[in-house]
């Protein structure tokens, strides 16, 4: 897994959490079909800024099967964090299937 930003010096050692992540078969709320999802329940970024998360899927022989990058997302410092949004339909659907996603809450 790789984190990309316009500032290359921030990329080194900026991700915290469990790696690697294994695919989980879950039902997609959009089409009702089962797909393989890669859920990152314990992933955080050390620095504030705008980033893309890039993932590489490999098979058991370590052959690259696919690579993908997310849309950009903003990481806030604890002082500028706007608070948690409401749970998405995808989060609710995964939670019903036993795959809860923890969220950071400000008291």
C-alpha atoms as a PDB file:
ATOM      1  CA  UNK A   1       0.000   0.000   0.000  1.00  0.00           C
ATOM      2  CA  UNK A   2       1.284   3.439  -0.847  1.00  0.00           C
ATOM      3  CA  UNK A   3       0.239   6.952   0.088  1.00  0.00           C
ATOM      4  CA  UNK A   4       0.763   9.658  -2.520  1.00  0.00           C
ATOM      5  CA  UNK A   5       0.842  13.418  -2.134  1.00  0.00           C
ATOM      6  CA  UNK A   6       2.347  16.354  -3.969  1.00  0.00           C
ATOM      7  CA  UNK A   7       4.971  16.545  -1.228  1.00  0.00           C
ATOM      8  CA  UNK A   8       7.113  13.425  -1.661  1.00  0.00           C
ATOM      9  CA  UNK A   9       8.882  13.876   1.696  1.00  0.00           C
ATOM     10  CA  UNK A  10       5.594  13.162   3.524  1.00  0.00           C
ATOM     11  CA  UNK A  11       5.089   9.762   1.887  1.00  0.00           C
ATOM     12  CA  UNK A  12       7.777   7.862   3.834  1.00  0.00           C
ATOM     13  CA  UNK A  13       6.383   6.235   7.007  1.00  0.00           C
ATOM     14  CA  UNK A  14       3.192   8.271   6.936  1.00  0.00           C
ATOM     15  CA  UNK A  15       0.725   5.354   7.107  1.00  0.00           C
ATOM     16  CA  UNK A  16      -0.154   3.580  10.351  1.00  0.00           C
ATOM     17  CA  UNK A  17      -2.304   0.473  10.624  1.00  0.00           C
ATOM     18  CA  UNK A  18      -2.663  -3.155   9.673  1.00  0.00           C
ATOM     19  CA  UNK A  19      -1.100  -4.253   6.406  1.00  0.00           C
ATOM     20  CA  UNK A  20      -1.667  -6.418   4.435  1.00  0.00           C
ATOM     21  CA  UNK A  21      -5.447  -6.495   4.196  1.00  0.00           C
ATOM     22  CA  UNK A  22      -7.219  -9.590   2.923  1.00  0.00           C
ATOM     23  CA  UNK A  23     -10.307  -9.474   0.733  1.00  0.00           C
ATOM     24  CA  UNK A  24     -13.675 -10.132   2.332  1.00  0.00           C
ATOM     25  CA  UNK A  25     -16.761 -11.300   0.435  1.00  0.00           C
ATOM     26  CA  UNK A  26     -19.582  -8.870   1.258  1.00  0.00           C
ATOM     27  CA  UNK A  27     -22.881  -7.930  -0.369  1.00  0.00           C
ATOM     28  CA  UNK A  28     -22.839  -4.599  -2.204  1.00  0.00           C
ATOM     29  CA  UNK A  29     -25.826  -2.413  -1.243  1.00  0.00           C
ATOM     30  CA  UNK A  30     -25.941  -0.883  -4.742  1.00  0.00           C
ATOM     31  CA  UNK A  31     -26.493  -4.062  -6.752  1.00  0.00           C
ATOM     32  CA  UNK A  32     -27.234  -6.688  -4.054  1.00  0.00           C
ATOM     33  CA  UNK A  33     -24.452  -8.930  -5.373  1.00  0.00           C
ATOM     34  CA  UNK A  34     -21.481 -10.335  -3.508  1.00  0.00           C
ATOM     35  CA  UNK A  35     -18.088  -8.838  -4.293  1.00  0.00           C
ATOM     36  CA  UNK A  36     -14.644  -8.932  -2.735  1.00  0.00           C
ATOM     37  CA  UNK A  37     -14.034  -5.791  -0.662  1.00  0.00           C
ATOM     38  CA  UNK A  38     -10.803  -4.667   0.959  1.00  0.00           C
ATOM     39  CA  UNK A  39     -11.780  -2.881   4.178  1.00  0.00           C
ATOM     40  CA  UNK A  40      -9.137  -0.934   6.112  1.00  0.00           C
ATOM     41  CA  UNK A  41     -10.536  -0.790   9.676  1.00  0.00           C
ATOM     42  CA  UNK A  42      -7.376   0.484  11.351  1.00  0.00           C
ATOM     43  CA  UNK A  43      -5.617   2.869   8.999  1.00  0.00           C
ATOM     44  CA  UNK A  44      -4.439   6.371   9.779  1.00  0.00           C
ATOM     45  CA  UNK A  45      -2.174   8.998   8.256  1.00  0.00           C
ATOM     46  CA  UNK A  46       0.405  10.822  10.374  1.00  0.00           C
ATOM     47  CA  UNK A  47       0.287  14.150   8.535  1.00  0.00           C
ATOM     48  CA  UNK A  48      -2.496  16.532   7.550  1.00  0.00           C
ATOM     49  CA  UNK A  49      -2.882  17.274   3.848  1.00  0.00           C
ATOM     50  CA  UNK A  50      -4.481  15.964   0.675  1.00  0.00           C
ATOM     51  CA  UNK A  51      -3.595  12.382  -0.290  1.00  0.00           C
ATOM     52  CA  UNK A  52      -4.429   9.395  -2.500  1.00  0.00           C
ATOM     53  CA  UNK A  53      -4.197   5.837  -1.228  1.00  0.00           C
ATOM     54  CA  UNK A  54      -2.765   3.465  -3.847  1.00  0.00           C
ATOM     55  CA  UNK A  55      -3.192  -0.287  -3.425  1.00  0.00           C
ATOM     56  CA  UNK A  56      -1.687  -3.245  -5.226  1.00  0.00           C
ATOM     57  CA  UNK A  57      -3.487  -6.604  -5.256  1.00  0.00           C
ATOM     58  CA  UNK A  58      -1.170  -9.619  -5.510  1.00  0.00           C
ATOM     59  CA  UNK A  59      -1.887 -13.334  -5.657  1.00  0.00           C
ATOM     60  CA  UNK A  60      -0.300 -16.050  -3.524  1.00  0.00           C
ATOM     61  CA  UNK A  61       2.695 -16.209  -5.870  1.00  0.00           C
ATOM     62  CA  UNK A  62       3.260 -12.464  -5.371  1.00  0.00           C
ATOM     63  CA  UNK A  63       2.202 -11.667  -8.940  1.00  0.00           C
ATOM     64  CA  UNK A  64       0.581  -8.247  -9.344  1.00  0.00           C
ATOM     65  CA  UNK A  65      -3.066  -8.704 -10.318  1.00  0.00           C
ATOM     66  CA  UNK A  66      -4.284  -5.116 -10.115  1.00  0.00           C
ATOM     67  CA  UNK A  67      -3.368  -1.635  -8.940  1.00  0.00           C
ATOM     68  CA  UNK A  68      -5.748   1.178  -8.046  1.00  0.00           C
ATOM     69  CA  UNK A  69      -5.622   4.642  -6.463  1.00  0.00           C
ATOM     70  CA  UNK A  70      -8.428   6.313  -4.528  1.00  0.00           C
ATOM     71  CA  UNK A  71      -9.774   9.756  -5.214  1.00  0.00           C
ATOM     72  CA  UNK A  72      -8.028  12.453  -3.195  1.00  0.00           C
ATOM     73  CA  UNK A  73      -9.002  12.763   0.461  1.00  0.00           C
ATOM     74  CA  UNK A  74      -8.153  15.327   3.124  1.00  0.00           C
ATOM     75  CA  UNK A  75      -6.486  14.433   6.421  1.00  0.00           C
ATOM     76  CA  UNK A  76      -7.098  16.979   9.183  1.00  0.00           C
ATOM     77  CA  UNK A  77      -5.067  17.684  12.291  1.00  0.00           C
ATOM     78  CA  UNK A  78      -6.820  17.129  15.625  1.00  0.00           C
ATOM     79  CA  UNK A  79      -7.300  20.916  15.917  1.00  0.00           C
ATOM     80  CA  UNK A  80      -9.001  21.309  12.526  1.00  0.00           C
ATOM     81  CA  UNK A  81     -10.935  17.997  12.430  1.00  0.00           C
ATOM     82  CA  UNK A  82     -14.565  18.848  11.560  1.00  0.00           C
ATOM     83  CA  UNK A  83     -16.048  15.779  13.306  1.00  0.00           C
ATOM     84  CA  UNK A  84     -17.512  12.520  12.062  1.00  0.00           C
ATOM     85  CA  UNK A  85     -20.043  12.477   9.265  1.00  0.00           C
ATOM     86  CA  UNK A  86     -23.089  10.248   9.370  1.00  0.00           C
ATOM     87  CA  UNK A  87     -22.481   6.616   8.505  1.00  0.00           C
ATOM     88  CA  UNK A  88     -22.702   5.883   4.798  1.00  0.00           C
ATOM     89  CA  UNK A  89     -25.061   3.275   3.373  1.00  0.00           C
ATOM     90  CA  UNK A  90     -21.991   1.150   2.569  1.00  0.00           C
ATOM     91  CA  UNK A  91     -20.840   1.273   6.228  1.00  0.00           C
ATOM     92  CA  UNK A  92     -24.324   0.332   7.433  1.00  0.00           C
ATOM     93  CA  UNK A  93     -24.506  -2.540   4.947  1.00  0.00           C
ATOM     94  CA  UNK A  94     -21.086  -3.896   5.977  1.00  0.00           C
ATOM     95  CA  UNK A  95     -21.987  -3.575   9.667  1.00  0.00           C
ATOM     96  CA  UNK A  96     -25.140  -5.668   9.138  1.00  0.00           C
ATOM     97  CA  UNK A  97     -22.879  -8.347   7.620  1.00  0.00           C
ATOM     98  CA  UNK A  98     -20.633  -8.368  10.712  1.00  0.00           C
ATOM     99  CA  UNK A  99     -17.828  -6.150   9.372  1.00  0.00           C
ATOM    100  CA  UNK A 100     -17.955  -3.072  11.600  1.00  0.00           C
ATOM    101  CA  UNK A 101     -15.809  -0.045  10.774  1.00  0.00           C
ATOM    102  CA  UNK A 102     -14.572   1.929  13.772  1.00  0.00           C
ATOM    103  CA  UNK A 103     -14.716   5.697  13.556  1.00  0.00           C
ATOM    104  CA  UNK A 104     -12.801   8.455  15.309  1.00  0.00           C
ATOM    105  CA  UNK A 105     -15.057  10.586  17.494  1.00  0.00           C
ATOM    106  CA  UNK A 106     -14.323  13.908  19.196  1.00  0.00           C
ATOM    107  CA  UNK A 107     -15.838  14.305  22.665  1.00  0.00           C
END
